[in-house]
Amino acid sequence: MEKAKKWITIKKVGSTLQLVCLIIALGVGVCTLCSSGFIVGSDSMEPTIVEGDFVFLWNLVQPEKLKEGDIAGYESTDGLVVIHRTVSPYLDADLNRVSWKMRGDANDGDDVQALTAENMVGKMFLHVDNAHVPLFKLVLRLIYLVPVLLVCIGGMLKVYADMKLSGTSSKASDKSK
């Protein structure tokens, strides 16, 4: 009977591992769906952000929620994502919405194109300098890999515990005969 309790406990550990991994995977999935990552391709935001740095933009922010000095990204008319600092808001009469004048920290003047609700990609919430990008990419891969491995281990524990429990119960029924 003690062995059966042990295997039931192992089965519960396997189920718990799988549940924890599911929660982690859901959290990572939500973050992945609600953000966009970019490697910066110019020096227009130096010294804050330099070419080769990695920037994450949170997609669920509207222009009305931005503040002066925030770093945000928008899609330019040529299809590139521009990551610059908000300079000043203004009410766009054509759109009847708040738009933002944007400027790179290293630039002398404002961008020609404004950030609007239609072209906004998101607000920066994470910046990784280019010296740490390889380590950051490794960590991102591990964030995806570890839950998958734990789900597999949890499943194997459950299957193994079930096999042991079925073997234990058949031995106990043989002894009762």
N, C-alpha and C. Protein backbone atom coordinates (compact mmCIF):
# COMPACT_ATOMS: atom_id res chain seq x y z
N MET A 1 0.82 -1.21 0.00
CA MET A 1 0.00 0.00 0.00
C MET A 1 0.85 1.26 0.00
N GLU A 2 2.03 1.20 0.68
CA GLU A 2 2.94 2.33 0.72
C GLU A 2 3.45 2.66 -0.68
N LYS A 3 3.76 1.61 -1.46
CA LYS A 3 4.24 1.83 -2.82
C LYS A 3 3.18 2.53 -3.67
N ALA A 4 1.94 2.15 -3.48
CA ALA A 4 0.86 2.78 -4.23
C ALA A 4 0.77 4.27 -3.91
N LYS A 5 0.91 4.64 -2.64
CA LYS A 5 0.88 6.06 -2.24
C LYS A 5 2.04 6.82 -2.90
N LYS A 6 3.21 6.17 -2.94
CA LYS A 6 4.38 6.79 -3.55
C LYS A 6 4.13 7.08 -5.02
N TRP A 7 3.55 6.12 -5.73
CA TRP A 7 3.31 6.31 -7.17
C TRP A 7 2.19 7.29 -7.44
N ILE A 8 1.21 7.33 -6.55
CA ILE A 8 0.14 8.34 -6.68
C ILE A 8 0.74 9.73 -6.50
N THR A 9 1.67 9.88 -5.54
CA THR A 9 2.34 11.16 -5.31
C THR A 9 3.16 11.56 -6.54
N ILE A 10 3.88 10.60 -7.12
CA ILE A 10 4.66 10.88 -8.32
C ILE A 10 3.74 11.29 -9.47
N LYS A 11 2.60 10.65 -9.59
CA LYS A 11 1.63 11.00 -10.63
C LYS A 11 1.13 12.44 -10.43
N LYS A 12 0.88 12.81 -9.16
CA LYS A 12 0.43 14.18 -8.87
C LYS A 12 1.52 15.19 -9.21
N VAL A 13 2.79 14.84 -8.93
CA VAL A 13 3.90 15.73 -9.28
C VAL A 13 3.94 15.93 -10.80
N GLY A 14 3.77 14.86 -11.56
CA GLY A 14 3.74 14.95 -13.02
C GLY A 14 2.62 15.86 -13.50
N SER A 15 1.44 15.71 -12.91
CA SER A 15 0.30 16.56 -13.30
C SER A 15 0.56 18.01 -12.94
N THR A 16 1.16 18.24 -11.77
CA THR A 16 1.46 19.60 -11.34
C THR A 16 2.48 20.24 -12.28
N LEU A 17 3.51 19.49 -12.66
CA LEU A 17 4.50 20.00 -13.62
C LEU A 17 3.83 20.42 -14.91
N GLN A 18 2.93 19.59 -15.39
CA GLN A 18 2.25 19.91 -16.64
C GLN A 18 1.38 21.15 -16.50
N LEU A 19 0.70 21.30 -15.38
CA LEU A 19 -0.15 22.47 -15.16
C LEU A 19 0.69 23.74 -15.08
N VAL A 20 1.79 23.70 -14.33
CA VAL A 20 2.67 24.86 -14.21
C VAL A 20 3.20 25.25 -15.58
N CYS A 21 3.60 24.27 -16.37
CA CYS A 21 4.12 24.54 -17.71
C CYS A 21 3.05 25.13 -18.62
N LEU A 22 1.84 24.67 -18.48
CA LEU A 22 0.74 25.23 -19.27
C LEU A 22 0.54 26.71 -18.93
N ILE A 23 0.59 27.03 -17.65
CA ILE A 23 0.44 28.43 -17.22
C ILE A 23 1.59 29.28 -17.76
N ILE A 24 2.82 28.76 -17.67
CA ILE A 24 3.98 29.48 -18.21
C ILE A 24 3.82 29.68 -19.72
N ALA A 25 3.42 28.62 -20.40
CA ALA A 25 3.26 28.70 -21.85
C ALA A 25 2.19 29.72 -22.23
N LEU A 26 1.10 29.75 -21.49
CA LEU A 26 0.05 30.74 -21.76
C LEU A 26 0.58 32.16 -21.55
N GLY A 27 1.33 32.36 -20.47
CA GLY A 27 1.90 33.69 -20.20
C GLY A 27 2.86 34.11 -21.29
N VAL A 28 3.74 33.21 -21.69
CA VAL A 28 4.69 33.50 -22.76
C VAL A 28 3.94 33.75 -24.07
N GLY A 29 2.90 32.96 -24.31
CA GLY A 29 2.10 33.14 -25.53
C GLY A 29 1.42 34.49 -25.59
N VAL A 30 0.85 34.91 -24.47
CA VAL A 30 0.19 36.22 -24.42
C VAL A 30 1.22 37.32 -24.67
N CYS A 31 2.38 37.22 -24.02
CA CYS A 31 3.44 38.22 -24.23
C CYS A 31 3.90 38.23 -25.68
N THR A 32 3.99 37.06 -26.29
CA THR A 32 4.43 36.98 -27.68
C THR A 32 3.39 37.60 -28.61
N LEU A 33 2.12 37.36 -28.34
CA LEU A 33 1.07 37.91 -29.19
C LEU A 33 0.90 39.41 -29.01
N CYS A 34 1.24 39.91 -27.83
CA CYS A 34 1.00 41.32 -27.51
C CYS A 34 2.25 42.18 -27.62
N SER A 35 3.32 41.63 -28.15
CA SER A 35 4.54 42.42 -28.29
C SER A 35 5.25 42.06 -29.59
N SER A 36 6.15 42.94 -29.97
CA SER A 36 6.96 42.73 -31.17
C SER A 36 8.40 43.05 -30.83
N GLY A 37 9.32 42.22 -31.29
CA GLY A 37 10.73 42.47 -31.03
C GLY A 37 11.46 42.90 -32.30
N PHE A 38 12.39 43.83 -32.15
CA PHE A 38 13.13 44.36 -33.29
C PHE A 38 14.59 44.54 -32.94
N ILE A 39 15.45 44.27 -33.89
CA ILE A 39 16.85 44.63 -33.77
C ILE A 39 16.99 45.98 -34.47
N VAL A 40 17.51 46.95 -33.76
CA VAL A 40 17.58 48.33 -34.26
C VAL A 40 18.62 48.40 -35.37
N GLY A 41 18.23 49.05 -36.47
CA GLY A 41 19.08 49.09 -37.66
C GLY A 41 19.71 50.44 -37.96
N SER A 42 19.60 51.40 -37.05
CA SER A 42 20.22 52.70 -37.30
C SER A 42 20.70 53.31 -35.97
N ASP A 43 21.40 54.41 -36.09
CA ASP A 43 21.92 55.08 -34.89
C ASP A 43 21.11 56.33 -34.53
N SER A 44 19.89 56.44 -35.02
CA SER A 44 19.10 57.65 -34.81
C SER A 44 18.67 57.86 -33.36
N MET A 45 18.76 56.82 -32.53
CA MET A 45 18.36 56.96 -31.11
C MET A 45 19.56 56.96 -30.16
N GLU A 46 20.78 57.08 -30.71
CA GLU A 46 21.96 57.12 -29.84
C GLU A 46 21.91 58.36 -28.96
N PRO A 47 22.37 58.31 -27.74
CA PRO A 47 23.06 57.21 -27.07
C PRO A 47 22.11 56.25 -26.34
N THR A 48 20.82 56.51 -26.34
CA THR A 48 19.88 55.65 -25.61
C THR A 48 19.83 54.25 -26.19
N ILE A 49 19.63 54.17 -27.49
CA ILE A 49 19.56 52.89 -28.20
C ILE A 49 20.53 52.97 -29.36
N VAL A 50 21.41 51.98 -29.47
CA VAL A 50 22.39 51.99 -30.55
C VAL A 50 22.07 50.90 -31.57
N GLU A 51 22.65 51.03 -32.74
CA GLU A 51 22.44 50.05 -33.80
C GLU A 51 22.83 48.66 -33.30
N GLY A 52 21.94 47.68 -33.52
CA GLY A 52 22.19 46.31 -33.09
C GLY A 52 21.51 45.96 -31.77
N ASP A 53 21.00 46.95 -31.04
CA ASP A 53 20.27 46.67 -29.80
C ASP A 53 18.95 45.98 -30.13
N PHE A 54 18.41 45.29 -29.14
CA PHE A 54 17.14 44.58 -29.30
C PHE A 54 16.08 45.33 -28.50
N VAL A 55 14.95 45.61 -29.12
CA VAL A 55 13.88 46.39 -28.49
C VAL A 55 12.56 45.63 -28.61
N PHE A 56 11.85 45.54 -27.49
CA PHE A 56 10.49 44.97 -27.49
C PHE A 56 9.49 46.10 -27.38
N LEU A 57 8.47 46.05 -28.23
CA LEU A 57 7.39 47.03 -28.19
C LEU A 57 6.11 46.33 -27.75
N TRP A 58 5.41 46.92 -26.78
CA TRP A 58 4.13 46.40 -26.29
C TRP A 58 3.05 46.92 -27.21
N ASN A 59 2.31 46.00 -27.85
CA ASN A 59 1.36 46.36 -28.89
C ASN A 59 0.02 46.90 -28.39
N LEU A 60 -0.27 46.72 -27.12
CA LEU A 60 -1.61 47.06 -26.63
C LEU A 60 -1.73 48.48 -26.09
N VAL A 61 -0.82 49.36 -26.47
CA VAL A 61 -0.85 50.74 -26.01
C VAL A 61 -1.39 51.62 -27.14
N GLN A 62 -2.31 52.50 -26.82
CA GLN A 62 -2.86 53.44 -27.79
C GLN A 62 -2.10 54.77 -27.69
N PRO A 63 -2.05 55.55 -28.76
CA PRO A 63 -1.33 56.83 -28.73
C PRO A 63 -1.80 57.77 -27.61
N GLU A 64 -3.07 57.69 -27.26
CA GLU A 64 -3.60 58.56 -26.21
C GLU A 64 -2.96 58.28 -24.85
N LYS A 65 -2.42 57.07 -24.67
CA LYS A 65 -1.83 56.67 -23.40
C LYS A 65 -0.34 57.01 -23.31
N LEU A 66 0.25 57.43 -24.42
CA LEU A 66 1.67 57.78 -24.40
C LEU A 66 1.90 59.10 -23.67
N LYS A 67 3.12 59.26 -23.18
CA LYS A 67 3.52 60.52 -22.53
C LYS A 67 4.71 61.07 -23.29
N GLU A 68 4.92 62.35 -23.14
CA GLU A 68 6.08 62.97 -23.77
C GLU A 68 7.35 62.30 -23.25
N GLY A 69 8.22 61.92 -24.17
CA GLY A 69 9.48 61.28 -23.79
C GLY A 69 9.45 59.76 -23.87
N ASP A 70 8.26 59.16 -24.06
CA ASP A 70 8.19 57.70 -24.24
C ASP A 70 8.86 57.31 -25.55
N ILE A 71 9.38 56.09 -25.58
CA ILE A 71 9.94 55.56 -26.82
C ILE A 71 8.91 54.60 -27.40
N ALA A 72 8.57 54.84 -28.65
CA ALA A 72 7.52 54.03 -29.30
C ALA A 72 7.93 53.77 -30.75
N GLY A 73 7.26 52.80 -31.35
CA GLY A 73 7.54 52.46 -32.73
C GLY A 73 6.32 52.65 -33.59
N TYR A 74 6.57 53.05 -34.83
CA TYR A 74 5.48 53.17 -35.80
C TYR A 74 5.99 52.69 -37.15
N GLU A 75 5.05 52.26 -37.98
CA GLU A 75 5.41 51.80 -39.32
C GLU A 75 5.41 53.00 -40.26
N SER A 76 6.55 53.22 -40.89
CA SER A 76 6.67 54.35 -41.81
C SER A 76 5.99 54.02 -43.14
N THR A 77 5.86 55.02 -43.99
CA THR A 77 5.18 54.80 -45.27
C THR A 77 5.94 53.83 -46.17
N ASP A 78 7.26 53.67 -45.93
CA ASP A 78 8.02 52.70 -46.74
C ASP A 78 8.07 51.31 -46.10
N GLY A 79 7.27 51.11 -45.04
CA GLY A 79 7.13 49.78 -44.44
C GLY A 79 8.13 49.44 -43.34
N LEU A 80 9.05 50.35 -43.04
CA LEU A 80 10.01 50.11 -41.97
C LEU A 80 9.42 50.53 -40.62
N VAL A 81 9.85 49.86 -39.56
CA VAL A 81 9.42 50.26 -38.22
C VAL A 81 10.44 51.26 -37.68
N VAL A 82 9.96 52.44 -37.34
CA VAL A 82 10.79 53.50 -36.79
C VAL A 82 10.56 53.53 -35.28
N ILE A 83 11.66 53.46 -34.52
CA ILE A 83 11.58 53.49 -33.06
C ILE A 83 12.22 54.79 -32.60
N HIS A 84 11.37 55.75 -32.21
CA HIS A 84 11.83 57.07 -31.79
C HIS A 84 11.09 57.52 -30.54
N ARG A 85 11.48 58.68 -30.05
CA ARG A 85 10.91 59.23 -28.82
C ARG A 85 9.75 60.17 -29.16
N THR A 86 8.70 60.12 -28.32
CA THR A 86 7.56 61.03 -28.50
C THR A 86 8.00 62.44 -28.10
N VAL A 87 7.64 63.41 -28.95
CA VAL A 87 8.05 64.79 -28.69
C VAL A 87 6.86 65.60 -28.18
N SER A 88 5.80 65.63 -28.95
CA SER A 88 4.63 66.39 -28.52
C SER A 88 3.36 65.84 -29.19
N PRO A 89 2.28 65.80 -28.40
CA PRO A 89 1.02 65.31 -28.97
C PRO A 89 0.29 66.46 -29.67
N TYR A 90 -0.56 66.10 -30.60
CA TYR A 90 -1.44 67.09 -31.22
C TYR A 90 -2.69 66.39 -31.69
N LEU A 91 -3.77 67.12 -31.78
CA LEU A 91 -5.03 66.55 -32.24
C LEU A 91 -5.03 66.61 -33.77
N ASP A 92 -5.01 65.44 -34.39
CA ASP A 92 -5.05 65.35 -35.84
C ASP A 92 -6.48 65.59 -36.29
N ALA A 93 -6.73 66.72 -36.93
CA ALA A 93 -8.09 67.10 -37.33
C ALA A 93 -8.68 66.11 -38.32
N ASP A 94 -7.84 65.58 -39.22
CA ASP A 94 -8.34 64.64 -40.22
C ASP A 94 -8.84 63.35 -39.57
N LEU A 95 -8.11 62.86 -38.59
CA LEU A 95 -8.45 61.60 -37.94
C LEU A 95 -9.27 61.78 -36.67
N ASN A 96 -9.32 63.01 -36.17
CA ASN A 96 -9.99 63.33 -34.91
C ASN A 96 -9.44 62.45 -33.77
N ARG A 97 -8.12 62.28 -33.79
CA ARG A 97 -7.43 61.48 -32.79
C ARG A 97 -6.11 62.15 -32.44
N VAL A 98 -5.56 61.71 -31.33
CA VAL A 98 -4.25 62.20 -30.92
C VAL A 98 -3.18 61.54 -31.79
N SER A 99 -2.28 62.35 -32.29
CA SER A 99 -1.10 61.88 -33.00
C SER A 99 0.11 62.45 -32.29
N TRP A 100 1.28 61.89 -32.57
CA TRP A 100 2.51 62.34 -31.90
C TRP A 100 3.58 62.71 -32.90
N LYS A 101 4.21 63.85 -32.64
CA LYS A 101 5.44 64.17 -33.35
C LYS A 101 6.52 63.31 -32.71
N MET A 102 7.39 62.75 -33.54
CA MET A 102 8.43 61.83 -33.08
C MET A 102 9.80 62.35 -33.51
N ARG A 103 10.83 61.97 -32.74
CA ARG A 103 12.20 62.37 -33.09
C ARG A 103 13.19 61.37 -32.51
N GLY A 104 14.19 61.03 -33.30
CA GLY A 104 15.29 60.23 -32.80
C GLY A 104 16.17 61.09 -31.91
N ASP A 105 16.73 60.52 -30.85
CA ASP A 105 17.56 61.30 -29.92
C ASP A 105 18.75 61.94 -30.63
N ALA A 106 19.28 61.29 -31.66
CA ALA A 106 20.45 61.81 -32.37
C ALA A 106 20.07 62.74 -33.53
N ASN A 107 18.78 62.92 -33.77
CA ASN A 107 18.33 63.75 -34.90
C ASN A 107 18.09 65.19 -34.45
N ASP A 108 18.27 66.11 -35.39
CA ASP A 108 18.07 67.54 -35.09
C ASP A 108 16.60 67.94 -35.17
N GLY A 109 15.85 67.30 -36.05
CA GLY A 109 14.46 67.70 -36.24
C GLY A 109 13.49 66.56 -36.04
N ASP A 110 12.20 66.92 -35.99
CA ASP A 110 11.15 65.92 -35.84
C ASP A 110 11.04 65.07 -37.10
N ASP A 111 10.51 63.86 -36.94
CA ASP A 111 10.26 62.99 -38.09
C ASP A 111 9.21 63.64 -38.99
N VAL A 112 9.29 63.35 -40.27
CA VAL A 112 8.31 63.86 -41.23
C VAL A 112 6.95 63.24 -40.95
N GLN A 113 6.95 61.96 -40.65
CA GLN A 113 5.71 61.23 -40.39
C GLN A 113 5.42 61.22 -38.89
N ALA A 114 4.15 61.33 -38.55
CA ALA A 114 3.73 61.29 -37.15
C ALA A 114 3.30 59.88 -36.76
N LEU A 115 3.32 59.62 -35.48
CA LEU A 115 2.79 58.35 -34.96
C LEU A 115 1.29 58.53 -34.77
N THR A 116 0.52 57.63 -35.35
CA THR A 116 -0.94 57.67 -35.24
C THR A 116 -1.43 56.30 -34.76
N ALA A 117 -2.71 56.20 -34.47
CA ALA A 117 -3.27 54.91 -34.06
C ALA A 117 -3.15 53.89 -35.19
N GLU A 118 -3.20 54.35 -36.41
CA GLU A 118 -3.15 53.44 -37.56
C GLU A 118 -1.76 52.87 -37.82
N ASN A 119 -0.71 53.64 -37.54
CA ASN A 119 0.63 53.16 -37.87
C ASN A 119 1.46 52.77 -36.63
N MET A 120 0.87 52.92 -35.46
CA MET A 120 1.62 52.61 -34.23
C MET A 120 1.84 51.10 -34.11
N VAL A 121 3.09 50.73 -33.80
CA VAL A 121 3.43 49.33 -33.57
C VAL A 121 3.40 49.04 -32.07
N GLY A 122 3.88 49.96 -31.25
CA GLY A 122 3.83 49.76 -29.81
C GLY A 122 4.77 50.68 -29.06
N LYS A 123 4.69 50.58 -27.74
CA LYS A 123 5.54 51.36 -26.83
C LYS A 123 6.65 50.45 -26.31
N MET A 124 7.88 50.98 -26.25
CA MET A 124 8.99 50.17 -25.79
C MET A 124 8.81 49.79 -24.33
N PHE A 125 8.97 48.48 -24.04
CA PHE A 125 8.94 48.04 -22.64
C PHE A 125 10.19 47.27 -22.26
N LEU A 126 11.02 46.93 -23.24
CA LEU A 126 12.25 46.21 -22.92
C LEU A 126 13.31 46.57 -23.95
N HIS A 127 14.50 46.89 -23.43
CA HIS A 127 15.63 47.25 -24.29
C HIS A 127 16.82 46.41 -23.85
N VAL A 128 17.42 45.68 -24.79
CA VAL A 128 18.60 44.86 -24.50
C VAL A 128 19.73 45.40 -25.36
N ASP A 129 20.83 45.85 -24.70
CA ASP A 129 21.93 46.40 -25.50
C ASP A 129 22.59 45.29 -26.31
N ASN A 130 23.23 45.68 -27.42
CA ASN A 130 23.71 44.70 -28.39
C ASN A 130 24.75 43.74 -27.84
N ALA A 131 25.44 44.10 -26.77
CA ALA A 131 26.41 43.18 -26.17
C ALA A 131 25.72 41.98 -25.54
N HIS A 132 24.46 42.15 -25.13
CA HIS A 132 23.73 41.08 -24.45
C HIS A 132 22.70 40.38 -25.34
N VAL A 133 22.60 40.78 -26.61
CA VAL A 133 21.60 40.18 -27.50
C VAL A 133 21.79 38.67 -27.65
N PRO A 134 23.02 38.15 -27.85
CA PRO A 134 23.15 36.68 -27.97
C PRO A 134 22.67 35.95 -26.71
N LEU A 135 23.02 36.46 -25.54
CA LEU A 135 22.55 35.85 -24.29
C LEU A 135 21.04 35.95 -24.18
N PHE A 136 20.48 37.08 -24.56
CA PHE A 136 19.03 37.28 -24.50
C PHE A 136 18.31 36.31 -25.42
N LYS A 137 18.85 36.07 -26.63
CA LYS A 137 18.24 35.12 -27.55
C LYS A 137 18.26 33.72 -26.96
N LEU A 138 19.36 33.37 -26.28
CA LEU A 138 19.45 32.07 -25.63
C LEU A 138 18.39 31.94 -24.53
N VAL A 139 18.23 32.99 -23.74
CA VAL A 139 17.23 32.97 -22.66
C VAL A 139 15.82 32.82 -23.26
N LEU A 140 15.55 33.53 -24.36
CA LEU A 140 14.23 33.41 -25.00
C LEU A 140 13.98 31.98 -25.46
N ARG A 141 15.00 31.34 -26.03
CA ARG A 141 14.84 29.95 -26.47
C ARG A 141 14.57 29.04 -25.28
N LEU A 142 15.27 29.28 -24.17
CA LEU A 142 15.07 28.47 -22.98
C LEU A 142 13.67 28.66 -22.40
N ILE A 143 13.15 29.88 -22.49
CA ILE A 143 11.80 30.15 -21.99
C ILE A 143 10.79 29.27 -22.71
N TYR A 144 11.03 29.01 -23.99
CA TYR A 144 10.13 28.14 -24.74
C TYR A 144 10.46 26.66 -24.53
N LEU A 145 11.74 26.34 -24.42
CA LEU A 145 12.17 24.96 -24.35
C LEU A 145 11.89 24.31 -22.99
N VAL A 146 12.15 25.02 -21.91
CA VAL A 146 11.99 24.44 -20.57
C VAL A 146 10.57 23.96 -20.30
N PRO A 147 9.53 24.77 -20.57
CA PRO A 147 8.17 24.24 -20.35
C PRO A 147 7.87 22.99 -21.18
N VAL A 148 8.34 22.96 -22.41
CA VAL A 148 8.11 21.78 -23.26
C VAL A 148 8.76 20.55 -22.63
N LEU A 149 10.01 20.71 -22.17
CA LEU A 149 10.69 19.59 -21.53
C LEU A 149 9.98 19.16 -20.25
N LEU A 150 9.53 20.13 -19.46
CA LEU A 150 8.83 19.80 -18.21
C LEU A 150 7.50 19.10 -18.47
N VAL A 151 6.80 19.51 -19.52
CA VAL A 151 5.55 18.83 -19.88
C VAL A 151 5.85 17.37 -20.24
N CYS A 152 6.92 17.16 -21.00
CA CYS A 152 7.30 15.79 -21.37
C CYS A 152 7.67 14.97 -20.14
N ILE A 153 8.47 15.56 -19.25
CA ILE A 153 8.86 14.85 -18.03
C ILE A 153 7.64 14.55 -17.17
N GLY A 154 6.74 15.54 -17.04
CA GLY A 154 5.52 15.32 -16.27
C GLY A 154 4.67 14.20 -16.86
N GLY A 155 4.57 14.17 -18.19
CA GLY A 155 3.81 13.11 -18.84
C GLY A 155 4.45 11.75 -18.63
N MET A 156 5.77 11.69 -18.73
CA MET A 156 6.47 10.41 -18.51
C MET A 156 6.30 9.94 -17.06
N LEU A 157 6.35 10.89 -16.11
CA LEU A 157 6.13 10.51 -14.70
C LEU A 157 4.74 9.92 -14.50
N LYS A 158 3.75 10.57 -15.13
CA LYS A 158 2.38 10.07 -14.99
C LYS A 158 2.23 8.67 -15.59
N VAL A 159 2.79 8.47 -16.79
CA VAL A 159 2.69 7.16 -17.44
C VAL A 159 3.41 6.10 -16.63
N TYR A 160 4.61 6.42 -16.15
CA TYR A 160 5.39 5.48 -15.36
C TYR A 160 4.66 5.14 -14.05
N ALA A 161 4.10 6.17 -13.41
CA ALA A 161 3.34 5.94 -12.17
C ALA A 161 2.12 5.07 -12.44
N ASP A 162 1.42 5.31 -13.56
CA ASP A 162 0.27 4.48 -13.92
C ASP A 162 0.68 3.03 -14.14
N MET A 163 1.82 2.83 -14.80
CA MET A 163 2.31 1.47 -15.03
C MET A 163 2.62 0.79 -13.70
N LYS A 164 3.28 1.49 -12.81
CA LYS A 164 3.63 0.92 -11.50
C LYS A 164 2.38 0.65 -10.67
N LEU A 165 1.41 1.60 -10.74
CA LEU A 165 0.17 1.40 -9.98
C LEU A 165 -0.61 0.21 -10.51
N SER A 166 -0.67 0.07 -11.82
CA SER A 166 -1.41 -1.08 -12.37
C SER A 166 -0.68 -2.37 -12.03
N GLY A 167 0.65 -2.33 -12.00
CA GLY A 167 1.42 -3.51 -11.59
C GLY A 167 1.24 -3.82 -10.12
N THR A 168 1.17 -2.77 -9.30
CA THR A 168 0.97 -2.95 -7.86
C THR A 168 -0.40 -3.52 -7.57
N SER A 169 -1.43 -2.99 -8.27
CA SER A 169 -2.78 -3.47 -8.00
C SER A 169 -2.96 -4.91 -8.48
N SER A 170 -2.29 -5.29 -9.60
CA SER A 170 -2.43 -6.67 -10.05
C SER A 170 -1.70 -7.63 -9.11
N LYS A 171 -0.56 -7.20 -8.53
CA LYS A 171 0.15 -8.04 -7.55
C LYS A 171 -0.67 -8.19 -6.29
N ALA A 172 -1.33 -7.08 -5.88
CA ALA A 172 -2.16 -7.14 -4.66
C ALA A 172 -3.35 -8.06 -4.89
N SER A 173 -3.94 -8.06 -6.09
CA SER A 173 -5.09 -8.94 -6.35
C SER A 173 -4.62 -10.39 -6.45
N ASP A 174 -3.37 -10.61 -6.94
CA ASP A 174 -2.82 -11.98 -6.99
C ASP A 174 -2.61 -12.53 -5.58
N LYS A 175 -2.16 -11.67 -4.66
CA LYS A 175 -1.91 -12.11 -3.28
C LYS A 175 -3.20 -12.42 -2.56
N SER A 176 -4.28 -11.71 -2.91
CA SER A 176 -5.56 -11.93 -2.21
C SER A 176 -6.21 -13.24 -2.65
N LYS A 177 -5.78 -13.80 -3.79
CA LYS A 177 -6.37 -15.06 -4.29
C LYS A 177 -5.86 -16.21 -3.56
